[in-house]
Amino acid sequence: MPTSPTPTLPTAQQAGGEAVHTGVTSGLDTEARLQNLLADHQFPRIAAQLDQLPPEQAQFYRGILANRNNDLKTSIELLEPLVDKVSDSPSQEKLLRKTLAEDYLRIGDLAKANRAYQTLETRLQAKLTPDEQDELELPVKLLPLAAANPAMTVEPYEPFWLQVTRNPLGLTDLPVYVDARPHAWMLDPTAPFNLIARSLAKEAGLKVSEESATIRSLTGRPIQVHMTVIPRFTIGGRITFRNMTAFVFEDADYAFAKSHYQVEGVLGYPAASALGSLTITSDATIEVQPFKSPAPEANSDHPVPGARFFLDGDQIIVALRHSSGGEAGASDSKQSKSPGEDRMFVLDASGQHTYLTSRYYDEHTADFAGQKMEMFSLANSPGTEAQPAFTAETVPLAFGPTTAEVHYLRVLTQPLGSAVLDDVYGLLGVDVLDQLQSYTFDYRTMTFSVKAVDSAQ
């Protein structure tokens, strides 16, 4: 174990080697360029450069990329030995500690995740951006309530399909059983935790913690949340979870008066990721394939080619291509692209509105010549003022080998001033997903595939 002060991981230049060529001509050194690529979600471009880095620097970035690829065991094995070697570099320490905390949370080790998030906040709170502070609010405040909970387990299951419903918010509700009582829970694969309404917890006879936490990022206003453990939870009677941790909200805090809709529960990443492959179709059905099919010879268990997707904090990032390309207007720090290269989009299956960002607009400015600009309010960012925007009538997006034409997307003309919103080419919500015949999250291969609607129909 190194003694204090501990050494910072070397950059390529510190190790005496030449600067790694990343395809740009800016004056940034290798470390800064890699950090920019990481912030820009350009994970494949970083992976292509790892063999040119010093061993520990390569190990550092391999661990980060394993996290983004949801290879949690590998990420932990690579990053844990480096914890004591990054204390002299706040940016490296913040990235490493945040990534490890996410690893522990995703694998369901709530005790380790709690310690990791508390340490991250204690050591580096002054170094966290407002976006990072918002992202960390839920785990920092909620995990202390659940740190002593048993690990959730999933019983083996066979492939299945079932009918789902579209709730008044336009989102997908799944039929579930909470301790053998039927209910409908909203599907949100990007939510870091499962949620349950207090009335439902009371009906099921669940023990609710006396301790609580006050959070604001769930609904945009301060609400009080407690914790419970659901001994037996079933999706459609087909897949059973044991000892599922869920956080309890007051019914009135997650109700939508205009839509007359009360959220009973939210099925977040901890449960959704256990569904090896989840396909949602336009005829309101879902098909689920397990990670290890008990019948490997079944034709339905073959993964479908699609676009790569990555988990970056609480975002799903999907690598798509716009078939008509366009010359990039991005700066050096944003790594300008040529036509046909991947563009990174946020995929939000629980978001009600799609928009394309100013990065997209910069590459396609000529497409909007002569159009009338209008003001557009972002439904998912209530604190953001209305923004000038155009409307793209048709946008062809390549989801791996399948190109789908999506229609009537708002295109922002100016940056929003938030890295979370500006560092991607757009946010794809359910209004785009509804234009598809089906779409699949395959956690086995980390691919997102689609079936486009037949234009002849």
Protein backbone atom coordinates (compact mmCIF):
# COMPACT_ATOMS: atom_id res chain seq x y z
CA MET A 1 0.00 0.00 0.00
CA PRO A 2 1.57 3.35 -1.02
CA THR A 3 2.35 5.81 1.75
CA SER A 4 1.10 9.38 1.73
CA PRO A 5 1.41 11.40 -0.41
CA THR A 6 0.30 8.92 -3.04
CA PRO A 7 1.38 9.29 -6.66
CA THR A 8 -1.00 10.38 -9.37
CA LEU A 9 -1.55 8.00 -12.25
CA PRO A 10 0.93 8.98 -14.98
CA THR A 11 -0.23 10.46 -18.24
CA ALA A 12 1.42 9.33 -21.45
CA GLN A 13 3.64 12.40 -21.48
CA GLN A 14 4.61 12.02 -17.83
CA ALA A 15 5.69 8.47 -18.59
CA GLY A 16 8.19 9.77 -21.12
CA GLY A 17 6.28 8.65 -24.18
CA GLU A 18 5.04 10.72 -27.06
CA ALA A 19 1.58 12.17 -27.01
CA VAL A 20 -1.10 9.77 -28.20
CA HIS A 21 -2.54 10.75 -31.56
CA THR A 22 -6.31 11.11 -31.23
CA GLY A 23 -7.07 12.53 -34.63
CA VAL A 24 -7.20 16.16 -33.51
CA THR A 25 -4.66 18.92 -33.71
CA SER A 26 -5.53 20.87 -30.58
CA GLY A 27 -2.92 21.84 -28.01
CA LEU A 28 -4.53 19.66 -25.34
CA ASP A 29 -2.31 16.99 -23.81
CA THR A 30 -3.27 13.33 -23.93
CA GLU A 31 -4.94 13.25 -20.52
CA ALA A 32 -7.07 16.30 -21.26
CA ARG A 33 -8.12 14.89 -24.64
CA LEU A 34 -9.11 11.57 -23.09
CA GLN A 35 -11.09 13.41 -20.41
CA ASN A 36 -12.85 15.41 -23.13
CA LEU A 37 -13.64 12.26 -25.09
CA LEU A 38 -15.05 10.67 -21.93
CA ALA A 39 -17.21 13.70 -21.17
CA ASP A 40 -18.32 13.59 -24.80
CA HIS A 41 -19.37 9.91 -24.37
CA GLN A 42 -16.96 8.82 -27.12
CA PHE A 43 -16.27 5.47 -25.51
CA PRO A 44 -15.27 3.52 -28.66
CA ARG A 45 -12.69 6.20 -29.54
CA ILE A 46 -11.13 5.91 -26.08
CA ALA A 47 -11.05 2.11 -26.34
CA ALA A 48 -9.14 2.38 -29.62
CA GLN A 49 -6.34 4.30 -27.88
CA LEU A 50 -5.82 2.19 -24.75
CA ASP A 51 -2.91 0.16 -26.11
CA GLN A 52 -0.94 3.40 -26.59
CA LEU A 53 -1.19 4.43 -22.91
CA PRO A 54 1.10 3.62 -19.95
CA PRO A 55 -0.11 0.46 -18.16
CA GLU A 56 -1.77 2.08 -15.13
CA GLN A 57 -3.34 4.82 -17.23
CA ALA A 58 -4.74 2.16 -19.57
CA GLN A 59 -6.02 0.20 -16.55
CA PHE A 60 -7.77 3.34 -15.28
CA TYR A 61 -9.63 3.95 -18.55
CA ARG A 62 -10.36 0.25 -19.10
CA GLY A 63 -12.10 0.26 -15.72
CA ILE A 64 -14.14 3.32 -16.63
CA LEU A 65 -15.13 1.84 -20.00
CA ALA A 66 -16.09 -1.49 -18.37
CA ASN A 67 -18.51 0.46 -16.18
CA ARG A 68 -20.04 2.17 -19.23
CA ASN A 69 -20.39 -1.26 -20.88
CA ASN A 70 -22.11 -2.60 -17.73
CA ASP A 71 -19.26 -5.08 -17.15
CA LEU A 72 -19.30 -4.36 -13.45
CA LYS A 73 -17.08 -7.17 -12.17
CA THR A 74 -14.28 -6.16 -14.55
CA SER A 75 -14.67 -2.49 -13.68
CA ILE A 76 -14.33 -3.20 -9.96
CA GLU A 77 -11.33 -5.48 -10.46
CA LEU A 78 -9.53 -2.81 -12.50
CA LEU A 79 -10.39 0.25 -10.43
CA GLU A 80 -10.21 -0.91 -6.81
CA PRO A 81 -6.37 -1.29 -6.88
CA LEU A 82 -6.05 2.30 -8.16
CA VAL A 83 -8.05 4.07 -5.44
CA ASP A 84 -4.96 5.03 -3.42
CA LYS A 85 -3.05 6.18 -6.50
CA VAL A 86 -5.33 9.03 -7.57
CA SER A 87 -5.61 11.14 -4.42
CA ASP A 88 -3.30 13.83 -5.78
CA SER A 89 -5.50 14.34 -8.84
CA PRO A 90 -9.02 15.54 -7.91
CA SER A 91 -10.38 14.97 -11.43
CA GLN A 92 -9.09 11.39 -11.58
CA GLU A 93 -10.15 10.63 -8.01
CA LYS A 94 -13.65 11.98 -8.61
CA LEU A 95 -14.08 9.94 -11.78
CA LEU A 96 -12.72 6.74 -10.23
CA ARG A 97 -14.68 6.97 -6.97
CA LYS A 98 -17.91 7.89 -8.75
CA THR A 99 -17.49 4.97 -11.16
CA LEU A 100 -16.78 2.46 -8.39
CA ALA A 101 -19.80 3.69 -6.43
CA GLU A 102 -21.97 3.12 -9.52
CA ASP A 103 -20.47 -0.36 -9.92
CA TYR A 104 -21.38 -1.37 -6.36
CA LEU A 105 -24.88 0.05 -6.72
CA ARG A 106 -25.56 -1.75 -9.99
CA ILE A 107 -24.39 -5.13 -8.69
CA GLY A 108 -26.66 -4.66 -5.68
CA ASP A 109 -24.02 -4.39 -2.94
CA LEU A 110 -25.86 -1.60 -1.13
CA ALA A 111 -23.50 -1.49 1.86
CA LYS A 112 -20.43 -0.95 -0.33
CA ALA A 113 -22.30 1.47 -2.53
CA ASN A 114 -23.35 3.50 0.51
CA ARG A 115 -19.78 3.73 1.82
CA ALA A 116 -18.47 4.65 -1.62
CA TYR A 117 -21.00 7.45 -2.17
CA GLN A 118 -20.50 8.85 1.32
CA THR A 119 -16.73 8.91 0.81
CA LEU A 120 -17.13 10.54 -2.60
CA GLU A 121 -19.27 13.32 -1.16
CA THR A 122 -17.05 13.84 1.90
CA ARG A 123 -13.76 14.00 0.01
CA LEU A 124 -14.82 15.75 -3.18
CA GLN A 125 -18.00 17.73 -2.55
CA ALA A 126 -16.28 21.02 -3.40
CA LYS A 127 -15.17 19.55 -6.75
CA LEU A 128 -18.63 18.39 -7.83
CA THR A 129 -20.45 20.35 -10.53
CA PRO A 130 -24.14 21.22 -10.05
CA ASP A 131 -25.04 18.47 -12.54
CA GLU A 132 -22.99 15.94 -10.57
CA GLN A 133 -24.53 17.05 -7.28
CA ASP A 134 -28.00 16.52 -8.74
CA GLU A 135 -27.02 13.08 -10.03
CA LEU A 136 -25.62 12.01 -6.66
CA GLU A 137 -28.55 13.22 -4.57
CA LEU A 138 -30.57 10.00 -4.69
CA PRO A 139 -27.78 7.52 -3.86
CA VAL A 140 -26.18 9.78 -1.24
CA LYS A 141 -29.47 10.31 0.60
CA LEU A 142 -31.27 7.02 0.01
CA LEU A 143 -28.55 4.40 0.38
CA PRO A 144 -28.04 5.00 4.13
CA LEU A 145 -31.64 3.83 4.57
CA ALA A 146 -30.96 0.56 2.72
CA ALA A 147 -27.29 -0.22 3.46
CA ALA A 148 -28.16 -3.17 5.74
CA ASN A 149 -30.69 -4.73 3.37
CA PRO A 150 -30.14 -8.23 1.97
CA ALA A 151 -29.13 -8.53 -1.66
CA MET A 152 -31.95 -8.92 -4.15
CA THR A 153 -32.06 -12.25 -5.97
CA VAL A 154 -33.83 -13.33 -9.16
CA GLU A 155 -35.22 -16.82 -9.61
CA PRO A 156 -34.47 -18.63 -12.90
CA TYR A 157 -37.11 -18.09 -15.55
CA GLU A 158 -37.89 -19.00 -19.15
CA PRO A 159 -38.51 -16.54 -22.01
CA PHE A 160 -41.96 -14.99 -21.80
CA TRP A 161 -44.17 -12.27 -23.22
CA LEU A 162 -47.09 -10.42 -21.70
CA GLN A 163 -49.48 -7.56 -22.33
CA VAL A 164 -48.63 -4.12 -20.97
CA THR A 165 -50.62 -0.89 -20.79
CA ARG A 166 -49.95 2.70 -21.74
CA ASN A 167 -50.66 4.96 -18.78
CA PRO A 168 -52.16 8.48 -19.08
CA LEU A 169 -48.63 9.93 -19.16
CA GLY A 170 -47.95 7.97 -22.36
CA LEU A 171 -45.47 5.65 -20.59
CA THR A 172 -45.41 1.87 -20.15
CA ASP A 173 -46.99 0.20 -17.13
CA LEU A 174 -46.13 -3.43 -16.39
CA PRO A 175 -48.44 -5.88 -14.58
CA VAL A 176 -46.72 -6.85 -11.34
CA TYR A 177 -47.51 -8.66 -8.11
CA VAL A 178 -46.35 -7.23 -4.79
CA ASP A 179 -46.49 -10.11 -2.34
CA ALA A 180 -49.17 -11.77 -4.53
CA ARG A 181 -51.26 -8.58 -4.93
CA PRO A 182 -51.73 -7.34 -8.54
CA HIS A 183 -50.67 -3.80 -9.46
CA ALA A 184 -49.28 -1.80 -12.37
CA TRP A 185 -45.80 -0.27 -12.11
CA MET A 186 -44.26 2.24 -14.49
CA LEU A 187 -41.17 1.02 -16.37
CA ASP A 188 -38.16 3.35 -16.13
CA PRO A 189 -34.86 1.56 -16.96
CA THR A 190 -32.87 4.72 -16.15
CA ALA A 191 -34.16 5.11 -12.58
CA PRO A 192 -31.41 4.04 -10.14
CA PHE A 193 -33.92 2.65 -7.61
CA ASN A 194 -37.29 0.93 -7.45
CA LEU A 195 -40.11 3.03 -5.98
CA ILE A 196 -43.43 2.15 -4.33
CA ALA A 197 -46.41 4.23 -3.16
CA ARG A 198 -47.10 4.23 0.59
CA SER A 199 -50.70 3.05 0.13
CA LEU A 200 -49.51 0.05 -1.85
CA ALA A 201 -46.82 -0.76 0.74
CA LYS A 202 -49.45 -0.58 3.47
CA GLU A 203 -51.87 -2.79 1.51
CA ALA A 204 -49.14 -5.41 1.03
CA GLY A 205 -48.26 -5.34 4.74
CA LEU A 206 -44.68 -4.23 4.10
CA LYS A 207 -42.53 -2.88 6.90
CA VAL A 208 -41.64 0.73 6.15
CA SER A 209 -38.59 2.31 7.75
CA GLU A 210 -39.05 4.99 10.37
CA GLU A 211 -36.00 6.79 8.99
CA SER A 212 -36.53 8.94 5.91
CA ALA A 213 -34.69 11.21 3.52
CA THR A 214 -35.82 14.41 1.83
CA ILE A 215 -35.07 14.52 -1.89
CA ARG A 216 -35.99 16.88 -4.72
CA SER A 217 -34.61 15.35 -7.94
CA LEU A 218 -37.40 12.76 -8.25
CA THR A 219 -40.26 15.22 -8.78
CA GLY A 220 -38.54 18.61 -8.86
CA ARG A 221 -39.80 19.56 -5.40
CA PRO A 222 -38.81 18.38 -1.90
CA ILE A 223 -40.49 15.12 -0.89
CA GLN A 224 -39.94 12.71 1.99
CA VAL A 225 -39.03 9.11 1.14
CA HIS A 226 -38.84 6.01 3.33
CA MET A 227 -37.55 2.50 2.56
CA THR A 228 -38.97 -1.01 2.47
CA VAL A 229 -37.98 -4.53 1.37
CA ILE A 230 -40.47 -6.51 -0.72
CA PRO A 231 -40.02 -10.22 0.16
CA ARG A 232 -41.56 -11.45 -3.10
CA PHE A 233 -42.11 -9.39 -6.26
CA THR A 234 -43.27 -10.84 -9.58
CA ILE A 235 -43.54 -9.34 -13.07
CA GLY A 236 -46.60 -10.72 -14.80
CA GLY A 237 -46.35 -13.90 -12.76
CA ARG A 238 -43.34 -14.92 -14.89
CA ILE A 239 -40.19 -13.66 -13.14
CA THR A 240 -39.79 -13.54 -9.37
CA PHE A 241 -37.52 -11.24 -7.36
CA ARG A 242 -36.75 -11.90 -3.69
CA ASN A 243 -35.86 -9.19 -1.16
CA MET A 244 -36.37 -6.29 -3.54
CA THR A 245 -35.42 -2.94 -2.02
CA ALA A 246 -37.88 -0.15 -2.85
CA PHE A 247 -38.19 3.42 -1.64
CA VAL A 248 -41.57 4.55 -0.39
CA PHE A 249 -43.09 7.85 -1.52
CA GLU A 250 -46.30 9.47 -0.31
CA ASP A 251 -49.10 8.93 -2.82
CA ALA A 252 -49.78 12.66 -3.26
CA ASP A 253 -46.12 13.33 -4.10
CA TYR A 254 -46.24 11.22 -7.26
CA ALA A 255 -49.71 11.89 -8.60
CA PHE A 256 -50.67 13.76 -11.77
CA ALA A 257 -53.93 15.62 -11.23
CA LYS A 258 -54.43 16.71 -14.86
CA SER A 259 -54.03 13.13 -16.09
CA HIS A 260 -55.88 11.60 -13.13
CA TYR A 261 -52.96 9.21 -12.75
CA GLN A 262 -51.45 7.92 -9.54
CA VAL A 263 -48.07 6.19 -9.78
CA GLU A 264 -48.23 2.91 -7.85
CA GLY A 265 -44.58 2.06 -8.31
CA VAL A 266 -41.58 2.47 -10.57
CA LEU A 267 -39.55 -0.46 -11.87
CA GLY A 268 -36.04 0.96 -12.20
CA TYR A 269 -32.63 -0.29 -13.27
CA PRO A 270 -32.16 -2.84 -10.41
CA ALA A 271 -35.06 -4.91 -11.75
CA ALA A 272 -35.04 -3.93 -15.44
CA SER A 273 -31.40 -4.98 -15.87
CA ALA A 274 -32.27 -8.48 -14.65
CA LEU A 275 -34.44 -8.84 -17.77
CA GLY A 276 -31.64 -9.94 -20.07
CA SER A 277 -33.40 -8.69 -23.19
CA LEU A 278 -36.57 -6.60 -23.09
CA THR A 279 -38.56 -5.94 -26.28
CA ILE A 280 -41.46 -3.50 -26.27
CA THR A 281 -43.79 -3.61 -29.28
CA SER A 282 -46.32 -1.20 -30.78
CA ASP A 283 -49.16 -3.62 -29.98
CA ALA A 284 -48.57 -3.21 -26.23
CA THR A 285 -46.69 -6.41 -25.54
CA ILE A 286 -43.24 -7.07 -24.13
CA GLU A 287 -41.00 -10.05 -24.74
CA VAL A 288 -38.31 -10.98 -22.22
CA GLN A 289 -35.31 -13.23 -22.77
CA PRO A 290 -33.16 -14.23 -19.76
CA PHE A 291 -29.41 -13.81 -19.62
CA LYS A 292 -28.97 -17.59 -19.78
CA SER A 293 -31.84 -19.26 -21.52
CA PRO A 294 -32.79 -22.68 -20.10
CA ALA A 295 -33.43 -23.68 -23.74
CA PRO A 296 -30.42 -22.36 -25.70
CA GLU A 297 -31.55 -24.07 -28.86
CA ALA A 298 -34.66 -21.87 -29.01
CA ASN A 299 -34.48 -19.60 -32.02
CA SER A 300 -36.04 -16.70 -30.10
CA ASP A 301 -32.99 -16.45 -27.85
CA HIS A 302 -30.64 -15.22 -30.57
CA PRO A 303 -29.57 -11.60 -29.94
CA VAL A 304 -30.64 -9.11 -32.63
CA PRO A 305 -27.98 -6.75 -34.06
CA GLY A 306 -28.44 -3.15 -33.05
CA ALA A 307 -26.77 0.06 -31.92
CA ARG A 308 -24.36 0.02 -29.01
CA PHE A 309 -25.69 1.53 -25.82
CA PHE A 310 -23.81 2.53 -22.70
CA LEU A 311 -24.70 3.35 -19.10
CA ASP A 312 -23.25 6.70 -18.06
CA GLY A 313 -24.39 7.61 -14.58
CA ASP A 314 -28.19 7.73 -14.72
CA GLN A 315 -28.26 8.04 -18.51
CA ILE A 316 -28.55 5.47 -21.29
CA ILE A 317 -26.33 6.66 -24.14
CA VAL A 318 -26.94 5.12 -27.56
CA ALA A 319 -24.54 5.42 -30.51
CA LEU A 320 -26.51 6.25 -33.67
CA ARG A 321 -25.74 7.48 -37.14
CA HIS A 322 -27.54 10.09 -39.19
CA SER A 323 -27.42 8.72 -42.71
CA SER A 324 -27.13 12.12 -44.39
CA GLY A 325 -24.18 13.14 -42.19
CA GLY A 326 -23.34 16.79 -42.63
CA GLU A 327 -20.14 18.58 -41.87
CA ALA A 328 -19.57 18.97 -38.16
CA GLY A 329 -19.44 22.43 -36.74
CA ALA A 330 -18.16 21.26 -33.38
CA SER A 331 -15.04 22.67 -31.82
CA ASP A 332 -11.80 20.77 -31.21
CA SER A 333 -12.83 20.00 -27.66
CA LYS A 334 -16.01 18.35 -28.91
CA GLN A 335 -14.18 16.20 -31.46
CA SER A 336 -15.76 17.18 -34.78
CA LYS A 337 -17.05 14.28 -36.83
CA SER A 338 -17.36 13.32 -40.43
CA PRO A 339 -20.53 11.94 -42.03
CA GLY A 340 -21.36 8.37 -41.00
CA GLU A 341 -19.58 8.47 -37.63
CA ASP A 342 -21.48 7.67 -34.47
CA ARG A 343 -23.38 10.43 -32.73
CA MET A 344 -24.30 9.95 -29.10
CA PHE A 345 -27.92 10.38 -28.00
CA VAL A 346 -29.62 9.99 -24.63
CA LEU A 347 -32.29 7.31 -24.73
CA ASP A 348 -35.09 7.95 -22.24
CA ALA A 349 -37.87 5.38 -22.36
CA SER A 350 -39.65 7.27 -19.57
CA GLY A 351 -39.27 10.74 -21.14
CA GLN A 352 -42.32 12.22 -22.81
CA HIS A 353 -40.62 14.53 -25.31
CA THR A 354 -37.77 14.27 -27.80
CA TYR A 355 -35.49 17.09 -28.84
CA LEU A 356 -32.25 17.43 -30.77
CA THR A 357 -29.58 19.71 -29.35
CA SER A 358 -27.59 22.60 -30.79
CA ARG A 359 -24.84 20.09 -31.66
CA TYR A 360 -27.22 18.49 -34.13
CA TYR A 361 -28.28 21.91 -35.39
CA ASP A 362 -24.65 22.95 -35.97
CA GLU A 363 -24.21 20.00 -38.35
CA HIS A 364 -27.50 20.54 -40.18
CA THR A 365 -28.00 24.31 -40.18
CA ALA A 366 -28.65 24.40 -43.93
CA ASP A 367 -31.62 22.04 -43.52
CA PHE A 368 -33.58 24.75 -41.73
CA ALA A 369 -33.00 27.66 -44.12
CA GLY A 370 -36.25 29.57 -44.58
CA GLN A 371 -38.03 27.82 -41.70
CA LYS A 372 -39.80 29.75 -39.00
CA MET A 373 -38.22 29.50 -35.55
CA GLU A 374 -40.47 28.88 -32.54
CA MET A 375 -39.98 28.74 -28.77
CA PHE A 376 -39.86 25.27 -27.23
CA SER A 377 -40.09 24.30 -23.54
CA LEU A 378 -38.32 21.15 -22.33
CA ALA A 379 -40.86 19.09 -20.41
CA ASN A 380 -38.15 17.05 -18.67
CA SER A 381 -36.29 20.18 -17.46
CA PRO A 382 -38.91 22.35 -15.73
CA GLY A 383 -36.29 24.86 -14.55
CA THR A 384 -35.11 25.56 -18.09
CA GLU A 385 -36.51 28.53 -19.98
CA ALA A 386 -38.17 28.10 -23.38
CA GLN A 387 -35.58 27.84 -26.16
CA PRO A 388 -35.60 28.88 -29.84
CA ALA A 389 -36.04 25.79 -32.00
CA PHE A 390 -36.88 24.54 -35.47
CA THR A 391 -38.83 21.42 -36.37
CA ALA A 392 -37.17 18.61 -38.35
CA GLU A 393 -39.91 16.96 -40.38
CA THR A 394 -37.97 13.73 -41.02
CA VAL A 395 -34.74 12.49 -39.44
CA PRO A 396 -33.21 9.15 -40.57
CA LEU A 397 -31.41 7.45 -37.68
CA ALA A 398 -29.36 4.26 -38.05
CA PHE A 399 -29.82 1.89 -35.12
CA GLY A 400 -27.03 -0.45 -36.12
CA PRO A 401 -28.07 -2.10 -39.42
CA THR A 402 -31.62 -0.73 -39.25
CA THR A 403 -32.46 2.81 -40.33
CA ALA A 404 -35.70 4.30 -39.06
CA GLU A 405 -37.18 7.58 -40.18
CA VAL A 406 -38.58 9.54 -37.24
CA HIS A 407 -40.68 12.64 -37.67
CA TYR A 408 -41.37 16.09 -36.25
CA LEU A 409 -38.48 16.50 -33.85
CA ARG A 410 -37.69 19.84 -32.22
CA VAL A 411 -34.14 21.06 -32.88
CA LEU A 412 -32.64 23.54 -30.41
CA THR A 413 -30.46 26.23 -31.93
CA GLN A 414 -28.51 27.22 -28.81
CA PRO A 415 -26.71 25.34 -26.01
CA LEU A 416 -28.71 25.01 -22.82
CA GLY A 417 -25.71 25.65 -20.59
CA SER A 418 -25.80 22.19 -19.01
CA ALA A 419 -23.23 19.54 -19.87
CA VAL A 420 -25.79 16.80 -19.26
CA LEU A 421 -28.01 18.26 -22.00
CA ASP A 422 -25.48 19.81 -24.39
CA ASP A 423 -22.88 17.02 -24.68
CA VAL A 424 -25.16 14.76 -26.74
CA TYR A 425 -26.93 15.20 -30.06
CA GLY A 426 -30.37 14.81 -28.63
CA LEU A 427 -32.72 13.11 -26.21
CA LEU A 428 -34.95 10.38 -27.67
CA GLY A 429 -38.14 9.91 -25.67
CA VAL A 430 -41.28 7.84 -26.01
CA ASP A 431 -42.68 10.07 -28.76
CA VAL A 432 -39.89 8.75 -31.01
CA LEU A 433 -40.06 5.18 -29.68
CA ASP A 434 -43.79 5.16 -30.41
CA GLN A 435 -42.97 5.68 -34.10
CA LEU A 436 -41.27 2.26 -34.17
CA GLN A 437 -42.81 -1.17 -34.60
CA SER A 438 -40.71 -2.39 -31.66
CA TYR A 439 -37.53 -1.65 -29.74
CA THR A 440 -35.26 -3.85 -27.63
CA PHE A 441 -32.91 -3.21 -24.73
CA ASP A 442 -30.52 -6.18 -24.75
CA TYR A 443 -28.41 -6.08 -21.60
CA ARG A 444 -26.71 -9.34 -22.67
CA THR A 445 -24.97 -7.64 -25.60
CA MET A 446 -25.51 -3.96 -24.61
CA THR A 447 -27.27 -3.29 -27.89
CA PHE A 448 -30.43 -1.34 -28.64
CA SER A 449 -32.25 -2.63 -31.71
CA VAL A 450 -35.42 -1.52 -33.44
CA LYS A 451 -37.95 -2.60 -36.03
CA ALA A 452 -39.06 0.32 -38.17
CA VAL A 453 -42.64 0.70 -39.31
CA ASP A 454 -43.09 -0.48 -42.87
CA SER A 455 -43.59 2.66 -44.94
CA ALA A 456 -45.86 0.72 -47.33
CA GLN A 457 -48.38 0.12 -44.57
